[in-house]
Amino acid sequence: MKRLGVQERCLTALGILKALGAFGLLADIRIPLIGVAAAAGLVLFFVGVIVTVMRARWYAHLPYPFAWLLLAIGSLVLRLRSA
């Protein structure tokens, strides 16, 4: 994370945001709007990760956040289509 320029004080908050997104997708089973918000939040999160990786010019690391971004986009699209 240091190589990407992420400050150490931000790591806990980023971890909590990612965990909330995952739990929000699970909560989607009961409350669909929470799932939409969680999927949209995860899309924004992984777009931010890609921007951070590109700013650090660590292009070899790009496939990983792109894969997770595609999964987040897929969950958002599926949730919106089923609503």
N, C-alpha and C. Protein backbone atom coordinates (compact mmCIF):
# COMPACT_ATOMS: atom_id res chain seq x y z
N MET A 1 0.82 -1.19 0.00
CA MET A 1 0.00 0.00 0.00
C MET A 1 0.87 1.26 0.00
N LYS A 2 2.04 1.15 0.61
CA LYS A 2 2.94 2.31 0.60
C LYS A 2 3.38 2.65 -0.81
N ARG A 3 3.64 1.61 -1.62
CA ARG A 3 4.07 1.85 -2.99
C ARG A 3 2.97 2.55 -3.80
N LEU A 4 1.72 2.30 -3.47
CA LEU A 4 0.61 2.95 -4.16
C LEU A 4 0.34 4.35 -3.64
N GLY A 5 0.96 4.72 -2.55
CA GLY A 5 0.78 6.06 -2.01
C GLY A 5 -0.43 6.20 -1.10
N VAL A 6 -0.93 5.07 -0.61
CA VAL A 6 -2.08 5.11 0.31
C VAL A 6 -1.56 5.32 1.72
N GLN A 7 -2.11 6.31 2.38
CA GLN A 7 -1.66 6.61 3.74
C GLN A 7 -2.14 5.51 4.69
N GLU A 8 -1.31 5.23 5.66
CA GLU A 8 -1.60 4.15 6.59
C GLU A 8 -2.88 4.40 7.39
N ARG A 9 -3.18 5.64 7.66
CA ARG A 9 -4.38 5.94 8.45
C ARG A 9 -5.67 5.67 7.67
N CYS A 10 -5.58 5.51 6.36
CA CYS A 10 -6.75 5.25 5.53
C CYS A 10 -7.07 3.77 5.38
N LEU A 11 -6.15 2.90 5.75
CA LEU A 11 -6.32 1.48 5.50
C LEU A 11 -7.52 0.88 6.22
N THR A 12 -7.73 1.25 7.46
CA THR A 12 -8.86 0.71 8.21
C THR A 12 -10.18 1.14 7.57
N ALA A 13 -10.28 2.40 7.21
CA ALA A 13 -11.51 2.89 6.58
C ALA A 13 -11.77 2.19 5.25
N LEU A 14 -10.73 1.98 4.47
CA LEU A 14 -10.91 1.29 3.19
C LEU A 14 -11.35 -0.16 3.39
N GLY A 15 -10.80 -0.82 4.37
CA GLY A 15 -11.21 -2.18 4.68
C GLY A 15 -12.64 -2.26 5.15
N ILE A 16 -13.05 -1.31 5.96
CA ILE A 16 -14.43 -1.27 6.44
C ILE A 16 -15.39 -1.03 5.27
N LEU A 17 -15.04 -0.12 4.37
CA LEU A 17 -15.90 0.16 3.22
C LEU A 17 -16.07 -1.07 2.34
N LYS A 18 -14.98 -1.79 2.11
CA LYS A 18 -15.06 -3.00 1.28
C LYS A 18 -15.90 -4.07 1.98
N ALA A 19 -15.74 -4.23 3.28
CA ALA A 19 -16.52 -5.21 4.02
C ALA A 19 -18.01 -4.83 4.03
N LEU A 20 -18.31 -3.54 4.19
CA LEU A 20 -19.70 -3.10 4.15
C LEU A 20 -20.33 -3.37 2.78
N GLY A 21 -19.55 -3.20 1.73
CA GLY A 21 -20.05 -3.51 0.39
C GLY A 21 -20.39 -4.98 0.25
N ALA A 22 -19.52 -5.83 0.76
CA ALA A 22 -19.76 -7.27 0.69
C ALA A 22 -20.99 -7.67 1.51
N PHE A 23 -21.10 -7.14 2.71
CA PHE A 23 -22.26 -7.45 3.55
C PHE A 23 -23.54 -6.86 2.95
N GLY A 24 -23.42 -5.72 2.29
CA GLY A 24 -24.58 -5.12 1.62
C GLY A 24 -25.08 -6.00 0.50
N LEU A 25 -24.17 -6.61 -0.22
CA LEU A 25 -24.60 -7.53 -1.28
C LEU A 25 -25.32 -8.75 -0.70
N LEU A 26 -24.87 -9.21 0.46
CA LEU A 26 -25.58 -10.31 1.13
C LEU A 26 -26.93 -9.86 1.67
N ALA A 27 -27.01 -8.63 2.15
CA ALA A 27 -28.28 -8.10 2.67
C ALA A 27 -29.29 -7.89 1.56
N ASP A 28 -28.83 -7.87 0.34
CA ASP A 28 -29.69 -7.70 -0.82
C ASP A 28 -30.75 -8.79 -0.90
N ILE A 29 -30.50 -9.91 -0.29
CA ILE A 29 -31.46 -11.01 -0.29
C ILE A 29 -32.76 -10.56 0.37
N ARG A 30 -32.65 -9.77 1.41
CA ARG A 30 -33.84 -9.29 2.14
C ARG A 30 -34.29 -7.90 1.71
N ILE A 31 -33.34 -7.00 1.49
CA ILE A 31 -33.67 -5.59 1.19
C ILE A 31 -32.95 -5.20 -0.10
N PRO A 32 -33.66 -5.23 -1.23
CA PRO A 32 -33.01 -5.00 -2.53
C PRO A 32 -32.30 -3.66 -2.67
N LEU A 33 -32.80 -2.61 -2.09
CA LEU A 33 -32.16 -1.30 -2.25
C LEU A 33 -30.78 -1.25 -1.60
N ILE A 34 -30.59 -2.00 -0.54
CA ILE A 34 -29.27 -2.05 0.09
C ILE A 34 -28.28 -2.71 -0.87
N GLY A 35 -28.72 -3.72 -1.59
CA GLY A 35 -27.85 -4.39 -2.55
C GLY A 35 -27.44 -3.48 -3.70
N VAL A 36 -28.37 -2.66 -4.16
CA VAL A 36 -28.06 -1.70 -5.23
C VAL A 36 -27.03 -0.70 -4.74
N ALA A 37 -27.24 -0.17 -3.55
CA ALA A 37 -26.30 0.81 -2.99
C ALA A 37 -24.94 0.17 -2.75
N ALA A 38 -24.92 -1.07 -2.26
CA ALA A 38 -23.65 -1.75 -2.00
C ALA A 38 -22.90 -2.02 -3.29
N ALA A 39 -23.60 -2.47 -4.31
CA ALA A 39 -22.95 -2.74 -5.60
C ALA A 39 -22.41 -1.46 -6.22
N ALA A 40 -23.19 -0.38 -6.14
CA ALA A 40 -22.73 0.91 -6.67
C ALA A 40 -21.51 1.40 -5.88
N GLY A 41 -21.53 1.21 -4.58
CA GLY A 41 -20.40 1.60 -3.75
C GLY A 41 -19.15 0.81 -4.09
N LEU A 42 -19.31 -0.49 -4.35
CA LEU A 42 -18.16 -1.31 -4.71
C LEU A 42 -17.61 -0.92 -6.08
N VAL A 43 -18.49 -0.56 -7.01
CA VAL A 43 -18.02 -0.09 -8.31
C VAL A 43 -17.17 1.16 -8.13
N LEU A 44 -17.65 2.10 -7.34
CA LEU A 44 -16.87 3.32 -7.08
C LEU A 44 -15.57 3.01 -6.36
N PHE A 45 -15.61 2.09 -5.42
CA PHE A 45 -14.41 1.70 -4.68
C PHE A 45 -13.34 1.17 -5.63
N PHE A 46 -13.72 0.26 -6.51
CA PHE A 46 -12.73 -0.34 -7.39
C PHE A 46 -12.29 0.60 -8.51
N VAL A 47 -13.12 1.54 -8.89
CA VAL A 47 -12.66 2.59 -9.81
C VAL A 47 -11.58 3.40 -9.12
N GLY A 48 -11.78 3.71 -7.84
CA GLY A 48 -10.76 4.42 -7.07
C GLY A 48 -9.48 3.63 -6.95
N VAL A 49 -9.59 2.32 -6.79
CA VAL A 49 -8.40 1.47 -6.72
C VAL A 49 -7.63 1.53 -8.04
N ILE A 50 -8.35 1.47 -9.14
CA ILE A 50 -7.69 1.52 -10.45
C ILE A 50 -7.00 2.86 -10.66
N VAL A 51 -7.66 3.93 -10.27
CA VAL A 51 -7.05 5.25 -10.39
C VAL A 51 -5.78 5.32 -9.53
N THR A 52 -5.84 4.79 -8.33
CA THR A 52 -4.68 4.80 -7.44
C THR A 52 -3.52 4.00 -8.03
N VAL A 53 -3.82 2.83 -8.58
CA VAL A 53 -2.78 2.00 -9.18
C VAL A 53 -2.16 2.70 -10.38
N MET A 54 -2.98 3.36 -11.18
CA MET A 54 -2.46 4.06 -12.35
C MET A 54 -1.63 5.28 -11.95
N ARG A 55 -2.04 5.97 -10.90
CA ARG A 55 -1.25 7.11 -10.43
C ARG A 55 0.12 6.67 -9.95
N ALA A 56 0.18 5.47 -9.36
CA ALA A 56 1.46 4.94 -8.88
C ALA A 56 2.27 4.32 -10.01
N ARG A 57 1.69 4.25 -11.20
CA ARG A 57 2.33 3.66 -12.38
C ARG A 57 2.77 2.21 -12.13
N TRP A 58 1.92 1.46 -11.48
CA TRP A 58 2.18 0.06 -11.20
C TRP A 58 1.22 -0.77 -12.06
N TYR A 59 1.43 -0.69 -13.35
CA TYR A 59 0.50 -1.24 -14.33
C TYR A 59 0.39 -2.76 -14.30
N ALA A 60 1.39 -3.43 -13.83
CA ALA A 60 1.32 -4.89 -13.72
C ALA A 60 0.28 -5.33 -12.71
N HIS A 61 -0.11 -4.44 -11.83
CA HIS A 61 -1.09 -4.76 -10.79
C HIS A 61 -2.53 -4.49 -11.24
N LEU A 62 -2.73 -3.91 -12.40
CA LEU A 62 -4.06 -3.53 -12.87
C LEU A 62 -5.05 -4.68 -13.09
N PRO A 63 -4.64 -5.86 -13.51
CA PRO A 63 -5.64 -6.92 -13.74
C PRO A 63 -6.46 -7.28 -12.50
N TYR A 64 -5.88 -7.17 -11.34
CA TYR A 64 -6.59 -7.57 -10.12
C TYR A 64 -7.77 -6.64 -9.82
N PRO A 65 -7.58 -5.33 -9.74
CA PRO A 65 -8.75 -4.49 -9.48
C PRO A 65 -9.74 -4.49 -10.65
N PHE A 66 -9.26 -4.68 -11.88
CA PHE A 66 -10.19 -4.75 -13.01
C PHE A 66 -11.11 -5.97 -12.89
N ALA A 67 -10.57 -7.09 -12.44
CA ALA A 67 -11.39 -8.28 -12.26
C ALA A 67 -12.46 -8.05 -11.21
N TRP A 68 -12.08 -7.43 -10.09
CA TRP A 68 -13.05 -7.15 -9.03
C TRP A 68 -14.06 -6.09 -9.48
N LEU A 69 -13.60 -5.13 -10.28
CA LEU A 69 -14.52 -4.12 -10.81
C LEU A 69 -15.56 -4.77 -11.71
N LEU A 70 -15.14 -5.70 -12.55
CA LEU A 70 -16.10 -6.38 -13.42
C LEU A 70 -17.13 -7.16 -12.62
N LEU A 71 -16.70 -7.80 -11.55
CA LEU A 71 -17.65 -8.51 -10.68
C LEU A 71 -18.63 -7.55 -10.02
N ALA A 72 -18.14 -6.40 -9.57
CA ALA A 72 -19.01 -5.41 -8.94
C ALA A 72 -20.00 -4.84 -9.96
N ILE A 73 -19.54 -4.57 -11.17
CA ILE A 73 -20.44 -4.08 -12.22
C ILE A 73 -21.48 -5.14 -12.55
N GLY A 74 -21.04 -6.38 -12.63
CA GLY A 74 -21.98 -7.47 -12.90
C GLY A 74 -23.06 -7.59 -11.84
N SER A 75 -22.68 -7.48 -10.59
CA SER A 75 -23.69 -7.56 -9.52
C SER A 75 -24.63 -6.38 -9.56
N LEU A 76 -24.12 -5.20 -9.90
CA LEU A 76 -24.98 -4.02 -10.00
C LEU A 76 -25.96 -4.17 -11.17
N VAL A 77 -25.47 -4.61 -12.30
CA VAL A 77 -26.33 -4.78 -13.47
C VAL A 77 -27.41 -5.83 -13.22
N LEU A 78 -27.01 -6.95 -12.63
CA LEU A 78 -27.98 -7.99 -12.34
C LEU A 78 -29.04 -7.51 -11.36
N ARG A 79 -28.61 -6.75 -10.35
CA ARG A 79 -29.58 -6.26 -9.37
C ARG A 79 -30.55 -5.27 -10.01
N LEU A 80 -30.02 -4.39 -10.86
CA LEU A 80 -30.89 -3.39 -11.50
C LEU A 80 -31.84 -4.05 -12.50
N ARG A 81 -31.41 -5.09 -13.18
CA ARG A 81 -32.28 -5.78 -14.15
C ARG A 81 -33.37 -6.56 -13.47
N SER A 82 -33.13 -7.03 -12.27
CA SER A 82 -34.15 -7.83 -11.58
C SER A 82 -35.13 -6.97 -10.79
N ALA A 83 -34.84 -5.70 -10.67
CA ALA A 83 -35.72 -4.81 -9.89
C ALA A 83 -36.97 -4.43 -10.66
